């Protein structure tokens, strides 16, 4: 995955995992992270943002639960086709 910049704001009440989740979600919606893109590892992102790995894992799990990414055991997280998320029921 090409590296998109995630910026955490320590001066807001929003939990850091939500800030990470929202920025990645918005990048996916805008197409900056297209279908099939691999997200950086939770370990790498946690180190680069100076947060705990659990913080990043919570953000990735939220993305997964909403259908933005898919977890592949032993491989990582990949962006999914999001057209069905926004299609009218």
PDB file of N, CA and C in Angstrom:
ATOM      1  N   UNK A   1       0.850  -1.174   0.000  1.00  0.00           N
ATOM      2  CA  UNK A   1       0.000   0.000   0.000  1.00  0.00           C
ATOM      3  C   UNK A   1       0.886   1.224   0.000  1.00  0.00           C
ATOM      4  N   UNK A   2       0.531   2.182  -0.809  1.00  0.00           N
ATOM      5  CA  UNK A   2       1.240   3.439  -0.716  1.00  0.00           C
ATOM      6  C   UNK A   2       0.828   4.073   0.598  1.00  0.00           C
ATOM      7  N   UNK A   3       1.711   4.816   1.186  1.00  0.00           N
ATOM      8  CA  UNK A   3       1.448   5.315   2.520  1.00  0.00           C
ATOM      9  C   UNK A   3       0.640   6.597   2.483  1.00  0.00           C
ATOM     10  N   UNK A   4      -0.550   6.554   3.051  1.00  0.00           N
ATOM     11  CA  UNK A   4      -1.364   7.747   3.226  1.00  0.00           C
ATOM     12  C   UNK A   4      -1.072   8.292   4.602  1.00  0.00           C
ATOM     13  N   UNK A   5      -1.132   9.591   4.727  1.00  0.00           N
ATOM     14  CA  UNK A   5      -0.790  10.192   5.992  1.00  0.00           C
ATOM     15  C   UNK A   5      -2.004  10.208   6.912  1.00  0.00           C
ATOM     16  N   UNK A   6      -1.847   9.680   8.094  1.00  0.00           N
ATOM     17  CA  UNK A   6      -2.867   9.742   9.126  1.00  0.00           C
ATOM     18  C   UNK A   6      -2.352  10.691  10.186  1.00  0.00           C
ATOM     19  N   UNK A   7      -3.195  11.641  10.537  1.00  0.00           N
ATOM     20  CA  UNK A   7      -2.810  12.636  11.526  1.00  0.00           C
ATOM     21  C   UNK A   7      -3.739  12.497  12.725  1.00  0.00           C
ATOM     22  N   UNK A   8      -3.150  12.277  13.889  1.00  0.00           N
ATOM     23  CA  UNK A   8      -3.929  12.169  15.111  1.00  0.00           C
ATOM     24  C   UNK A   8      -3.918  13.498  15.848  1.00  0.00           C
ATOM     25  N   UNK A   9      -5.086  13.881  16.340  1.00  0.00           N
ATOM     26  CA  UNK A   9      -5.221  15.125  17.082  1.00  0.00           C
ATOM     27  C   UNK A   9      -5.421  14.780  18.556  1.00  0.00           C
ATOM     28  N   UNK A  10      -4.446  15.104  19.360  1.00  0.00           N
ATOM     29  CA  UNK A  10      -4.518  14.832  20.796  1.00  0.00           C
ATOM     30  C   UNK A  10      -5.394  15.828  21.542  1.00  0.00           C
ATOM     31  N   UNK A  11      -5.838  16.876  20.857  1.00  0.00           N
ATOM     32  CA  UNK A  11      -6.606  17.938  21.507  1.00  0.00           C
ATOM     33  C   UNK A  11      -8.115  17.781  21.330  1.00  0.00           C
ATOM     34  N   UNK A  12      -8.560  16.605  20.926  1.00  0.00           N
ATOM     35  CA  UNK A  12      -9.994  16.355  20.773  1.00  0.00           C
ATOM     36  C   UNK A  12     -10.393  15.168  21.635  1.00  0.00           C
ATOM     37  N   UNK A  13     -11.685  15.062  21.897  1.00  0.00           N
ATOM     38  CA  UNK A  13     -12.205  13.974  22.712  1.00  0.00           C
ATOM     39  C   UNK A  13     -12.315  12.661  21.937  1.00  0.00           C
ATOM     40  N   UNK A  14     -12.274  12.726  20.607  1.00  0.00           N
ATOM     41  CA  UNK A  14     -12.439  11.541  19.776  1.00  0.00           C
ATOM     42  C   UNK A  14     -11.305  10.551  20.030  1.00  0.00           C
ATOM     43  N   UNK A  15     -11.643   9.291  20.370  1.00  0.00           N
ATOM     44  CA  UNK A  15     -10.585   8.294  20.587  1.00  0.00           C
ATOM     45  C   UNK A  15      -9.695   8.139  19.356  1.00  0.00           C
ATOM     46  N   UNK A  16      -8.445   7.796  19.609  1.00  0.00           N
ATOM     47  CA  UNK A  16      -7.483   7.688  18.510  1.00  0.00           C
ATOM     48  C   UNK A  16      -7.886   6.617  17.506  1.00  0.00           C
ATOM     49  N   UNK A  17      -8.467   5.494  17.969  1.00  0.00           N
ATOM     50  CA  UNK A  17      -8.848   4.460  17.010  1.00  0.00           C
ATOM     51  C   UNK A  17      -9.938   4.955  16.070  1.00  0.00           C
ATOM     52  N   UNK A  18     -10.825   5.823  16.573  1.00  0.00           N
ATOM     53  CA  UNK A  18     -11.871   6.393  15.715  1.00  0.00           C
ATOM     54  C   UNK A  18     -11.250   7.364  14.712  1.00  0.00           C
ATOM     55  N   UNK A  19     -10.272   8.135  15.145  1.00  0.00           N
ATOM     56  CA  UNK A  19      -9.597   9.050  14.224  1.00  0.00           C
ATOM     57  C   UNK A  19      -8.928   8.269  13.086  1.00  0.00           C
ATOM     58  N   UNK A  20      -8.271   7.163  13.435  1.00  0.00           N
ATOM     59  CA  UNK A  20      -7.620   6.313  12.421  1.00  0.00           C
ATOM     60  C   UNK A  20      -8.670   5.718  11.498  1.00  0.00           C
ATOM     61  N   UNK A  21      -9.711   5.142  12.090  1.00  0.00           N
ATOM     62  CA  UNK A  21     -10.797   4.536  11.316  1.00  0.00           C
ATOM     63  C   UNK A  21     -11.401   5.538  10.339  1.00  0.00           C
ATOM     64  N   UNK A  22     -11.751   6.738  10.816  1.00  0.00           N
ATOM     65  CA  UNK A  22     -12.407   7.730   9.965  1.00  0.00           C
ATOM     66  C   UNK A  22     -11.520   8.171   8.812  1.00  0.00           C
ATOM     67  N   UNK A  23     -10.222   8.353   9.079  1.00  0.00           N
ATOM     68  CA  UNK A  23      -9.327   8.790   8.010  1.00  0.00           C
ATOM     69  C   UNK A  23      -9.153   7.689   6.959  1.00  0.00           C
ATOM     70  N   UNK A  24      -9.010   6.444   7.398  1.00  0.00           N
ATOM     71  CA  UNK A  24      -8.885   5.346   6.433  1.00  0.00           C
ATOM     72  C   UNK A  24     -10.184   5.150   5.667  1.00  0.00           C
ATOM     73  N   UNK A  25     -11.317   5.212   6.365  1.00  0.00           N
ATOM     74  CA  UNK A  25     -12.618   5.081   5.697  1.00  0.00           C
ATOM     75  C   UNK A  25     -12.774   6.151   4.625  1.00  0.00           C
ATOM     76  N   UNK A  26     -12.445   7.387   4.969  1.00  0.00           N
ATOM     77  CA  UNK A  26     -12.575   8.477   4.005  1.00  0.00           C
ATOM     78  C   UNK A  26     -11.642   8.274   2.816  1.00  0.00           C
ATOM     79  N   UNK A  27     -10.435   7.772   3.051  1.00  0.00           N
ATOM     80  CA  UNK A  27      -9.508   7.482   1.951  1.00  0.00           C
ATOM     81  C   UNK A  27     -10.073   6.399   1.035  1.00  0.00           C
ATOM     82  N   UNK A  28     -10.727   5.410   1.615  1.00  0.00           N
ATOM     83  CA  UNK A  28     -11.341   4.339   0.817  1.00  0.00           C
ATOM     84  C   UNK A  28     -12.500   4.904   0.005  1.00  0.00           C
ATOM     85  N   UNK A  29     -13.362   5.697   0.624  1.00  0.00           N
ATOM     86  CA  UNK A  29     -14.522   6.273  -0.062  1.00  0.00           C
ATOM     87  C   UNK A  29     -14.075   7.169  -1.208  1.00  0.00           C
ATOM     88  N   UNK A  30     -13.026   7.950  -0.992  1.00  0.00           N
ATOM     89  CA  UNK A  30     -12.511   8.849  -2.047  1.00  0.00           C
ATOM     90  C   UNK A  30     -11.758   8.105  -3.139  1.00  0.00           C
ATOM     91  N   UNK A  31     -11.470   6.838  -2.914  1.00  0.00           N
ATOM     92  CA  UNK A  31     -10.734   6.068  -3.907  1.00  0.00           C
ATOM     93  C   UNK A  31      -9.225   6.197  -3.789  1.00  0.00           C
ATOM     94  N   UNK A  32      -8.750   6.866  -2.746  1.00  0.00           N
ATOM     95  CA  UNK A  32      -7.310   6.982  -2.539  1.00  0.00           C
ATOM     96  C   UNK A  32      -6.715   5.642  -2.118  1.00  0.00           C
ATOM     97  N   UNK A  33      -7.553   4.783  -1.540  1.00  0.00           N
ATOM     98  CA  UNK A  33      -7.187   3.393  -1.253  1.00  0.00           C
ATOM     99  C   UNK A  33      -8.161   2.539  -2.064  1.00  0.00           C
ATOM    100  N   UNK A  34      -7.803   2.195  -3.286  1.00  0.00           N
ATOM    101  CA  UNK A  34      -8.738   1.472  -4.152  1.00  0.00           C
ATOM    102  C   UNK A  34      -8.915   0.009  -3.753  1.00  0.00           C
ATOM    103  N   UNK A  35      -9.948  -0.585  -4.293  1.00  0.00           N
ATOM    104  CA  UNK A  35     -10.232  -1.997  -4.047  1.00  0.00           C
ATOM    105  C   UNK A  35      -8.984  -2.835  -4.307  1.00  0.00           C
ATOM    106  N   UNK A  36      -8.713  -3.750  -3.397  1.00  0.00           N
ATOM    107  CA  UNK A  36      -7.547  -4.628  -3.521  1.00  0.00           C
ATOM    108  C   UNK A  36      -6.292  -4.105  -2.850  1.00  0.00           C
ATOM    109  N   UNK A  37      -6.303  -2.825  -2.451  1.00  0.00           N
ATOM    110  CA  UNK A  37      -5.133  -2.260  -1.775  1.00  0.00           C
ATOM    111  C   UNK A  37      -4.945  -2.929  -0.425  1.00  0.00           C
ATOM    112  N   UNK A  38      -3.699  -3.164  -0.084  1.00  0.00           N
ATOM    113  CA  UNK A  38      -3.376  -3.741   1.228  1.00  0.00           C
ATOM    114  C   UNK A  38      -3.072  -2.614   2.205  1.00  0.00           C
ATOM    115  N   UNK A  39      -3.718  -2.666   3.376  1.00  0.00           N
ATOM    116  CA  UNK A  39      -3.397  -1.691   4.419  1.00  0.00           C
ATOM    117  C   UNK A  39      -2.053  -2.065   5.037  1.00  0.00           C
ATOM    118  N   UNK A  40      -1.359  -1.053   5.552  1.00  0.00           N
ATOM    119  CA  UNK A  40      -0.096  -1.332   6.229  1.00  0.00           C
ATOM    120  C   UNK A  40      -0.390  -2.200   7.448  1.00  0.00           C
ATOM    121  N   UNK A  41       0.607  -2.916   7.918  1.00  0.00           N
ATOM    122  CA  UNK A  41       0.412  -3.800   9.065  1.00  0.00           C
ATOM    123  C   UNK A  41       0.045  -2.978  10.294  1.00  0.00           C
ATOM    124  N   UNK A  42      -0.685  -3.624  11.194  1.00  0.00           N
ATOM    125  CA  UNK A  42      -1.065  -2.940  12.426  1.00  0.00           C
ATOM    126  C   UNK A  42       0.173  -2.548  13.223  1.00  0.00           C
ATOM    127  N   UNK A  43       1.164  -3.392  13.212  1.00  0.00           N
ATOM    128  CA  UNK A  43       2.405  -3.108  13.950  1.00  0.00           C
ATOM    129  C   UNK A  43       3.091  -1.860  13.387  1.00  0.00           C
ATOM    130  N   UNK A  44       3.229  -1.802  12.064  1.00  0.00           N
ATOM    131  CA  UNK A  44       3.906  -0.663  11.440  1.00  0.00           C
ATOM    132  C   UNK A  44       3.143   0.633  11.691  1.00  0.00           C
ATOM    133  N   UNK A  45       1.807   0.594  11.495  1.00  0.00           N
ATOM    134  CA  UNK A  45       1.022   1.814  11.672  1.00  0.00           C
ATOM    135  C   UNK A  45       1.057   2.265  13.127  1.00  0.00           C
ATOM    136  N   UNK A  46       0.971   1.335  14.049  1.00  0.00           N
ATOM    137  CA  UNK A  46       1.036   1.686  15.470  1.00  0.00           C
ATOM    138  C   UNK A  46       2.367   2.360  15.796  1.00  0.00           C
ATOM    139  N   UNK A  47       3.453   1.801  15.287  1.00  0.00           N
ATOM    140  CA  UNK A  47       4.770   2.399  15.539  1.00  0.00           C
ATOM    141  C   UNK A  47       4.869   3.785  14.921  1.00  0.00           C
ATOM    142  N   UNK A  48       4.386   3.936  13.692  1.00  0.00           N
ATOM    143  CA  UNK A  48       4.526   5.227  13.013  1.00  0.00           C
ATOM    144  C   UNK A  48       3.660   6.310  13.649  1.00  0.00           C
ATOM    145  N   UNK A  49       2.536   5.910  14.294  1.00  0.00           N
ATOM    146  CA  UNK A  49       1.660   6.883  14.948  1.00  0.00           C
ATOM    147  C   UNK A  49       1.923   7.002  16.447  1.00  0.00           C
ATOM    148  N   UNK A  50       2.842   6.188  16.956  1.00  0.00           N
ATOM    149  CA  UNK A  50       3.167   6.166  18.389  1.00  0.00           C
ATOM    150  C   UNK A  50       1.929   5.878  19.239  1.00  0.00           C
ATOM    151  N   UNK A  51       1.185   4.850  18.808  1.00  0.00           N
ATOM    152  CA  UNK A  51       0.029   4.382  19.575  1.00  0.00           C
ATOM    153  C   UNK A  51       0.184   2.879  19.780  1.00  0.00           C
ATOM    154  N   UNK A  52      -0.635   2.330  20.648  1.00  0.00           N
ATOM    155  CA  UNK A  52      -0.613   0.895  20.865  1.00  0.00           C
ATOM    156  C   UNK A  52      -1.178   0.140  19.667  1.00  0.00           C
ATOM    157  N   UNK A  53      -0.718  -1.069  19.497  1.00  0.00           N
ATOM    158  CA  UNK A  53      -1.201  -1.897  18.397  1.00  0.00           C
ATOM    159  C   UNK A  53      -2.702  -2.167  18.506  1.00  0.00           C
ATOM    160  N   UNK A  54      -3.198  -2.298  19.720  1.00  0.00           N
ATOM    161  CA  UNK A  54      -4.632  -2.516  19.914  1.00  0.00           C
ATOM    162  C   UNK A  54      -5.459  -1.361  19.360  1.00  0.00           C
ATOM    163  N   UNK A  55      -4.918  -0.152  19.433  1.00  0.00           N
ATOM    164  CA  UNK A  55      -5.614   1.018  18.897  1.00  0.00           C
ATOM    165  C   UNK A  55      -5.824   0.862  17.399  1.00  0.00           C
ATOM    166  N   UNK A  56      -4.781   0.467  16.695  1.00  0.00           N
ATOM    167  CA  UNK A  56      -4.877   0.277  15.244  1.00  0.00           C
ATOM    168  C   UNK A  56      -5.759  -0.927  14.929  1.00  0.00           C
ATOM    169  N   UNK A  57      -5.621  -1.987  15.693  1.00  0.00           N
ATOM    170  CA  UNK A  57      -6.444  -3.170  15.456  1.00  0.00           C
ATOM    171  C   UNK A  57      -7.928  -2.852  15.611  1.00  0.00           C
ATOM    172  N   UNK A  58      -8.279  -2.027  16.593  1.00  0.00           N
ATOM    173  CA  UNK A  58      -9.681  -1.636  16.762  1.00  0.00           C
ATOM    174  C   UNK A  58     -10.178  -0.867  15.549  1.00  0.00           C
ATOM    175  N   UNK A  59      -9.347   0.022  15.002  1.00  0.00           N
ATOM    176  CA  UNK A  59      -9.738   0.781  13.806  1.00  0.00           C
ATOM    177  C   UNK A  59      -9.939  -0.163  12.622  1.00  0.00           C
ATOM    178  N   UNK A  60      -9.016  -1.106  12.434  1.00  0.00           N
ATOM    179  CA  UNK A  60      -9.114  -2.054  11.325  1.00  0.00           C
ATOM    180  C   UNK A  60     -10.329  -2.968  11.490  1.00  0.00           C
ATOM    181  N   UNK A  61     -10.602  -3.383  12.717  1.00  0.00           N
ATOM    182  CA  UNK A  61     -11.770  -4.234  12.958  1.00  0.00           C
ATOM    183  C   UNK A  61     -13.065  -3.483  12.673  1.00  0.00           C
ATOM    184  N   UNK A  62     -13.097  -2.197  12.984  1.00  0.00           N
ATOM    185  CA  UNK A  62     -14.283  -1.394  12.673  1.00  0.00           C
ATOM    186  C   UNK A  62     -14.464  -1.294  11.160  1.00  0.00           C
ATOM    187  N   UNK A  63     -13.386  -1.061  10.440  1.00  0.00           N
ATOM    188  CA  UNK A  63     -13.458  -1.020   8.976  1.00  0.00           C
ATOM    189  C   UNK A  63     -13.940  -2.355   8.427  1.00  0.00           C
ATOM    190  N   UNK A  64     -13.458  -3.425   9.009  1.00  0.00           N
ATOM    191  CA  UNK A  64     -13.843  -4.771   8.569  1.00  0.00           C
ATOM    192  C   UNK A  64     -15.315  -5.036   8.851  1.00  0.00           C
ATOM    193  N   UNK A  65     -15.781  -4.658  10.027  1.00  0.00           N
ATOM    194  CA  UNK A  65     -17.174  -4.923  10.395  1.00  0.00           C
ATOM    195  C   UNK A  65     -18.146  -4.155   9.513  1.00  0.00           C
ATOM    196  N   UNK A  66     -17.702  -3.055   8.945  1.00  0.00           N
ATOM    197  CA  UNK A  66     -18.559  -2.252   8.077  1.00  0.00           C
ATOM    198  C   UNK A  66     -18.372  -2.584   6.599  1.00  0.00           C
ATOM    199  N   UNK A  67     -17.479  -3.532   6.298  1.00  0.00           N
ATOM    200  CA  UNK A  67     -17.319  -3.977   4.922  1.00  0.00           C
ATOM    201  C   UNK A  67     -16.335  -3.203   4.069  1.00  0.00           C
ATOM    202  N   UNK A  68     -15.565  -2.315   4.678  1.00  0.00           N
ATOM    203  CA  UNK A  68     -14.583  -1.548   3.909  1.00  0.00           C
ATOM    204  C   UNK A  68     -13.326  -2.358   3.611  1.00  0.00           C
ATOM    205  N   UNK A  69     -12.954  -3.224   4.528  1.00  0.00           N
ATOM    206  CA  UNK A  69     -11.767  -4.053   4.342  1.00  0.00           C
ATOM    207  C   UNK A  69     -12.092  -5.488   4.733  1.00  0.00           C
ATOM    208  N   UNK A  70     -11.223  -6.381   4.283  1.00  0.00           N
ATOM    209  CA  UNK A  70     -11.341  -7.794   4.626  1.00  0.00           C
ATOM    210  C   UNK A  70     -10.018  -8.238   5.218  1.00  0.00           C
ATOM    211  N   UNK A  71     -10.099  -9.008   6.286  1.00  0.00           N
ATOM    212  CA  UNK A  71      -8.906  -9.567   6.895  1.00  0.00           C
ATOM    213  C   UNK A  71      -8.603 -10.905   6.238  1.00  0.00           C
ATOM    214  N   UNK A  72      -7.363 -11.080   5.811  1.00  0.00           N
ATOM    215  CA  UNK A  72      -6.913 -12.357   5.265  1.00  0.00           C
ATOM    216  C   UNK A  72      -5.858 -12.907   6.206  1.00  0.00           C
ATOM    217  N   UNK A  73      -6.175 -14.045   6.812  1.00  0.00           N
ATOM    218  CA  UNK A  73      -5.298 -14.638   7.824  1.00  0.00           C
ATOM    219  C   UNK A  73      -3.882 -14.783   7.274  1.00  0.00           C
ATOM    220  N   UNK A  74      -2.922 -14.284   8.029  1.00  0.00           N
ATOM    221  CA  UNK A  74      -1.519 -14.388   7.651  1.00  0.00           C
ATOM    222  C   UNK A  74      -1.081 -13.435   6.560  1.00  0.00           C
ATOM    223  N   UNK A  75      -2.026 -12.616   6.056  1.00  0.00           N
ATOM    224  CA  UNK A  75      -1.689 -11.735   4.950  1.00  0.00           C
ATOM    225  C   UNK A  75      -1.952 -10.263   5.254  1.00  0.00           C
ATOM    226  N   UNK A  76      -2.988  -9.969   6.015  1.00  0.00           N
ATOM    227  CA  UNK A  76      -3.277  -8.581   6.348  1.00  0.00           C
ATOM    228  C   UNK A  76      -4.683  -8.176   5.970  1.00  0.00           C
ATOM    229  N   UNK A  77      -4.889  -6.872   5.881  1.00  0.00           N
ATOM    230  CA  UNK A  77      -6.201  -6.296   5.564  1.00  0.00           C
ATOM    231  C   UNK A  77      -6.176  -5.709   4.162  1.00  0.00           C
ATOM    232  N   UNK A  78      -7.246  -5.971   3.412  1.00  0.00           N
ATOM    233  CA  UNK A  78      -7.361  -5.514   2.029  1.00  0.00           C
ATOM    234  C   UNK A  78      -8.662  -4.761   1.828  1.00  0.00           C
ATOM    235  N   UNK A  79      -8.590  -3.679   1.046  1.00  0.00           N
ATOM    236  CA  UNK A  79      -9.769  -2.874   0.735  1.00  0.00           C
ATOM    237  C   UNK A  79     -10.711  -3.678  -0.146  1.00  0.00           C
ATOM    238  N   UNK A  80     -11.986  -3.623   0.200  1.00  0.00           N
ATOM    239  CA  UNK A  80     -13.023  -4.344  -0.530  1.00  0.00           C
ATOM    240  C   UNK A  80     -13.747  -3.426  -1.510  1.00  0.00           C
ATOM    241  N   UNK A  81     -14.530  -4.029  -2.385  1.00  0.00           N
ATOM    242  CA  UNK A  81     -15.420  -3.275  -3.267  1.00  0.00           C
ATOM    243  C   UNK A  81     -16.499  -2.665  -2.385  1.00  0.00           C
ATOM    244  N   UNK A  82     -16.547  -1.341  -2.337  1.00  0.00           N
ATOM    245  CA  UNK A  82     -17.477  -0.702  -1.417  1.00  0.00           C
ATOM    246  C   UNK A  82     -18.779  -0.273  -2.098  1.00  0.00           C
ATOM    247  N   UNK A  83     -18.951  -0.569  -3.363  1.00  0.00           N
ATOM    248  CA  UNK A  83     -20.171  -0.140  -4.052  1.00  0.00           C
ATOM    249  C   UNK A  83     -21.422  -0.704  -3.390  1.00  0.00           C
ATOM    250  N   UNK A  84     -21.348  -1.929  -2.877  1.00  0.00           N
ATOM    251  CA  UNK A  84     -22.528  -2.516  -2.248  1.00  0.00           C
ATOM    252  C   UNK A  84     -22.853  -1.873  -0.909  1.00  0.00           C
ATOM    253  N   UNK A  85     -21.903  -1.201  -0.283  1.00  0.00           N
ATOM    254  CA  UNK A  85     -22.157  -0.518   0.988  1.00  0.00           C
ATOM    255  C   UNK A  85     -23.097   0.662   0.763  1.00  0.00           C
ATOM    256  N   UNK A  86     -22.929   1.342  -0.381  1.00  0.00           N
ATOM    257  CA  UNK A  86     -23.680   2.548  -0.646  1.00  0.00           C
ATOM    258  C   UNK A  86     -24.862   2.344  -1.573  1.00  0.00           C
ATOM    259  N   UNK A  87     -25.072   1.117  -2.050  1.00  0.00           N
ATOM    260  CA  UNK A  87     -26.194   0.840  -2.934  1.00  0.00           C
ATOM    261  C   UNK A  87     -27.484   0.846  -2.142  1.00  0.00           C
ATOM    262  N   UNK A  88     -28.528   1.478  -2.721  1.00  0.00           N
ATOM    263  CA  UNK A  88     -29.816   1.466  -2.018  1.00  0.00           C
ATOM    264  C   UNK A  88     -30.342   0.039  -1.911  1.00  0.00           C
ATOM    265  N   UNK A  89     -30.926  -0.280  -0.747  1.00  0.00           N
ATOM    266  CA  UNK A  89     -31.375  -1.609  -0.409  1.00  0.00           C
ATOM    267  C   UNK A  89     -32.336  -2.212  -1.327  1.00  0.00           C
TER     268      UNK A  89
END
